């Protein structure tokens, strides 16, 4: 069960996973155990219909919903029920013909003005990609000018919410913290 101070819980849990102290597979296992109990209690008809062992989650973001990042998209979980990819998925970037391979590794979100976004780090193409949170529509991408050598060891991503102006992305790498203005 999530404690009353759930924000601190999620921050701590994410830090433990990122530090390798608590593997994401342990969280996946806990979620599967909860779903099995819900199934046994008859709380929903097909609890495992969206579980796909071949689509390993790589990162987790929790706000009103839970968001599970996969190599090429996100699974949105509404109130404990995963939505099918037909109902919600991230649009492919418009340069998919040039950069067909995706390798999404890290997920974060932020509010810019009155719009909510998801930000994804794509390791295959050394870029950050912004999507609308509501429907997964592609918004914009930021490519590393030098080919992204400094992004090869990206360990964490945090994008700040702003009332106006461009958001700021903080990137944790092996060499330290980088601050990028996403204009």
Protein backbone atom coordinates (compact mmCIF):
# COMPACT_ATOMS: atom_id res chain seq x y z
CA UNK A 1 0.00 0.00 0.00
CA UNK A 2 1.17 3.53 -0.74
CA UNK A 3 1.53 5.67 2.40
CA UNK A 4 -0.11 9.06 2.91
CA UNK A 5 3.15 10.75 1.89
CA UNK A 6 2.97 9.10 -1.52
CA UNK A 7 5.03 11.79 -3.30
CA UNK A 8 8.00 11.03 -1.06
CA UNK A 9 7.38 7.30 -1.57
CA UNK A 10 7.44 7.61 -5.38
CA UNK A 11 10.53 9.84 -5.31
CA UNK A 12 12.35 7.40 -3.02
CA UNK A 13 11.26 4.37 -5.04
CA UNK A 14 12.37 5.94 -8.33
CA UNK A 15 15.74 6.87 -6.76
CA UNK A 16 16.24 3.32 -5.51
CA UNK A 17 15.46 1.88 -8.95
CA UNK A 18 17.75 4.37 -10.70
CA UNK A 19 20.55 3.59 -8.23
CA UNK A 20 20.14 -0.13 -8.86
CA UNK A 21 19.26 -0.79 -5.22
CA UNK A 22 15.73 -1.90 -6.02
CA UNK A 23 15.36 -3.53 -9.46
CA UNK A 24 12.40 -2.65 -11.63
CA UNK A 25 11.73 -6.39 -11.91
CA UNK A 26 10.86 -6.38 -8.19
CA UNK A 27 8.23 -3.69 -8.77
CA UNK A 28 6.91 -5.58 -11.78
CA UNK A 29 6.64 -8.71 -9.61
CA UNK A 30 4.75 -6.80 -6.88
CA UNK A 31 2.34 -5.36 -9.45
CA UNK A 32 1.71 -8.81 -10.92
CA UNK A 33 0.97 -10.23 -7.44
CA UNK A 34 -1.55 -7.44 -6.81
CA UNK A 35 -3.21 -8.06 -10.16
CA UNK A 36 -3.47 -11.80 -9.44
CA UNK A 37 -5.21 -11.13 -6.10
CA UNK A 38 -7.60 -8.68 -7.79
CA UNK A 39 -8.37 -11.39 -10.34
CA UNK A 40 -9.03 -13.97 -7.61
CA UNK A 41 -11.39 -11.53 -5.92
CA UNK A 42 -13.18 -10.93 -9.22
CA UNK A 43 -12.44 -7.21 -9.19
CA UNK A 44 -12.03 -7.08 -12.96
CA UNK A 45 -12.62 -9.42 -15.85
CA UNK A 46 -9.23 -9.76 -17.58
CA UNK A 47 -6.46 -8.38 -15.37
CA UNK A 48 -3.61 -9.72 -17.46
CA UNK A 49 -4.90 -8.79 -20.91
CA UNK A 50 -2.30 -6.01 -21.29
CA UNK A 51 0.59 -7.78 -19.58
CA UNK A 52 3.19 -8.73 -22.14
CA UNK A 53 6.36 -10.36 -20.84
CA UNK A 54 8.12 -9.42 -24.08
CA UNK A 55 7.51 -5.66 -23.42
CA UNK A 56 9.66 -5.01 -20.39
CA UNK A 57 9.08 -1.68 -18.67
CA UNK A 58 12.21 0.48 -18.52
CA UNK A 59 11.01 3.42 -16.45
CA UNK A 60 8.03 4.48 -14.41
CA UNK A 61 6.32 7.83 -13.89
CA UNK A 62 3.39 8.29 -11.56
CA UNK A 63 1.05 11.28 -11.42
CA UNK A 64 -2.73 10.85 -11.62
CA UNK A 65 -1.90 7.85 -13.81
CA UNK A 66 1.01 5.47 -13.93
CA UNK A 67 3.15 5.49 -17.06
CA UNK A 68 5.33 2.52 -18.01
CA UNK A 69 8.06 3.28 -20.53
CA UNK A 70 8.95 0.63 -23.10
CA UNK A 71 11.63 0.70 -25.81
CA UNK A 72 9.28 2.32 -28.33
CA UNK A 73 6.20 3.62 -26.49
CA UNK A 74 4.46 4.15 -23.14
CA UNK A 75 1.68 2.16 -21.49
CA UNK A 76 -0.78 4.40 -19.66
CA UNK A 77 -2.32 2.86 -16.55
CA UNK A 78 -5.58 4.55 -15.48
CA UNK A 79 -6.67 3.80 -11.92
CA UNK A 80 -4.92 0.42 -11.96
CA UNK A 81 -6.09 -0.68 -15.42
CA UNK A 82 -3.59 -0.53 -18.29
CA UNK A 83 -4.96 0.98 -21.49
CA UNK A 84 -4.39 -0.93 -24.69
CA UNK A 85 -1.87 0.46 -27.16
CA UNK A 86 -4.80 1.04 -29.52
CA UNK A 87 -6.25 3.48 -26.95
CA UNK A 88 -2.99 5.20 -25.98
CA UNK A 89 0.52 5.16 -27.40
CA UNK A 90 3.16 7.69 -28.31
CA UNK A 91 3.16 8.93 -31.89
CA UNK A 92 6.32 8.02 -33.79
CA UNK A 93 8.56 11.04 -34.32
CA UNK A 94 8.09 12.56 -37.80
CA UNK A 95 11.63 11.58 -38.81
CA UNK A 96 10.92 7.85 -38.34
CA UNK A 97 12.01 7.13 -41.92
CA UNK A 98 15.46 8.58 -41.14
CA UNK A 99 15.68 7.30 -37.56
CA UNK A 100 13.57 4.11 -37.56
CA UNK A 101 15.14 2.54 -34.46
CA UNK A 102 13.85 3.72 -31.09
CA UNK A 103 15.44 2.97 -27.73
CA UNK A 104 13.46 4.87 -25.11
CA UNK A 105 15.24 4.69 -21.76
CA UNK A 106 14.07 7.42 -19.38
CA UNK A 107 10.69 9.11 -18.87
CA UNK A 108 9.63 12.31 -17.12
CA UNK A 109 6.79 14.78 -17.34
CA UNK A 110 6.19 18.48 -16.85
CA UNK A 111 3.54 21.15 -17.24
CA UNK A 112 4.34 24.05 -19.56
CA UNK A 113 1.73 26.78 -19.31
CA UNK A 114 -1.56 24.89 -19.38
CA UNK A 115 -0.26 21.87 -21.33
CA UNK A 116 1.10 18.65 -19.84
CA UNK A 117 3.93 16.81 -21.55
CA UNK A 118 5.86 13.57 -21.31
CA UNK A 119 9.57 13.73 -22.08
CA UNK A 120 11.46 10.65 -23.24
CA UNK A 121 15.18 10.05 -23.71
CA UNK A 122 15.81 8.06 -26.91
CA UNK A 123 19.27 6.49 -26.60
CA UNK A 124 19.30 5.16 -30.17
CA UNK A 125 19.21 8.69 -31.56
CA UNK A 126 20.76 10.77 -28.73
CA UNK A 127 17.69 12.96 -28.31
CA UNK A 128 14.94 14.07 -26.00
CA UNK A 129 11.40 13.88 -27.37
CA UNK A 130 8.35 15.71 -26.08
CA UNK A 131 4.83 14.28 -26.36
CA UNK A 132 1.45 15.58 -25.25
CA UNK A 133 0.47 13.72 -22.10
CA UNK A 134 -3.24 13.64 -22.98
CA UNK A 135 -2.97 11.72 -26.25
CA UNK A 136 0.69 10.87 -26.90
CA UNK A 137 0.95 13.25 -29.87
CA UNK A 138 4.51 14.16 -30.89
CA UNK A 139 5.36 17.76 -29.99
CA UNK A 140 9.07 18.32 -30.48
CA UNK A 141 12.52 16.77 -30.29
CA UNK A 142 15.92 18.03 -29.20
CA UNK A 143 18.91 16.36 -30.86
CA UNK A 144 22.44 16.51 -29.50
CA UNK A 145 24.47 18.70 -31.89
CA UNK A 146 27.70 16.75 -31.44
CA UNK A 147 26.23 13.31 -32.03
CA UNK A 148 25.34 12.84 -28.39
CA UNK A 149 28.55 11.41 -26.95
CA UNK A 150 27.73 13.09 -23.62
CA UNK A 151 24.32 11.39 -23.63
CA UNK A 152 25.62 7.82 -23.86
CA UNK A 153 25.60 7.44 -20.09
CA UNK A 154 22.42 9.35 -19.23
CA UNK A 155 21.22 8.08 -15.85
CA UNK A 156 18.31 10.35 -14.97
CA UNK A 157 16.13 13.05 -16.48
CA UNK A 158 14.09 15.70 -14.72
CA UNK A 159 12.12 18.36 -16.57
CA UNK A 160 10.80 21.33 -14.60
CA UNK A 161 7.26 22.62 -14.91
CA UNK A 162 6.99 26.29 -15.87
CA UNK A 163 4.13 28.79 -16.09
CA UNK A 164 5.60 30.39 -19.21
CA UNK A 165 8.78 30.16 -21.19
CA UNK A 166 10.70 27.02 -22.09
CA UNK A 167 11.07 24.18 -19.60
CA UNK A 168 14.47 23.24 -18.20
CA UNK A 169 15.76 19.67 -18.43
CA UNK A 170 18.30 18.39 -15.94
CA UNK A 171 20.29 15.39 -17.12
CA UNK A 172 22.35 13.24 -14.79
CA UNK A 173 25.35 11.68 -16.54
CA UNK A 174 28.50 10.00 -15.29
CA UNK A 175 30.23 13.38 -15.50
CA UNK A 176 27.64 15.36 -13.52
CA UNK A 177 24.40 17.24 -13.98
CA UNK A 178 23.68 19.08 -17.22
CA UNK A 179 21.08 21.85 -17.49
CA UNK A 180 19.38 22.28 -20.86
CA UNK A 181 16.82 24.91 -21.83
CA UNK A 182 14.31 23.16 -24.09
CA UNK A 183 13.64 25.89 -26.65
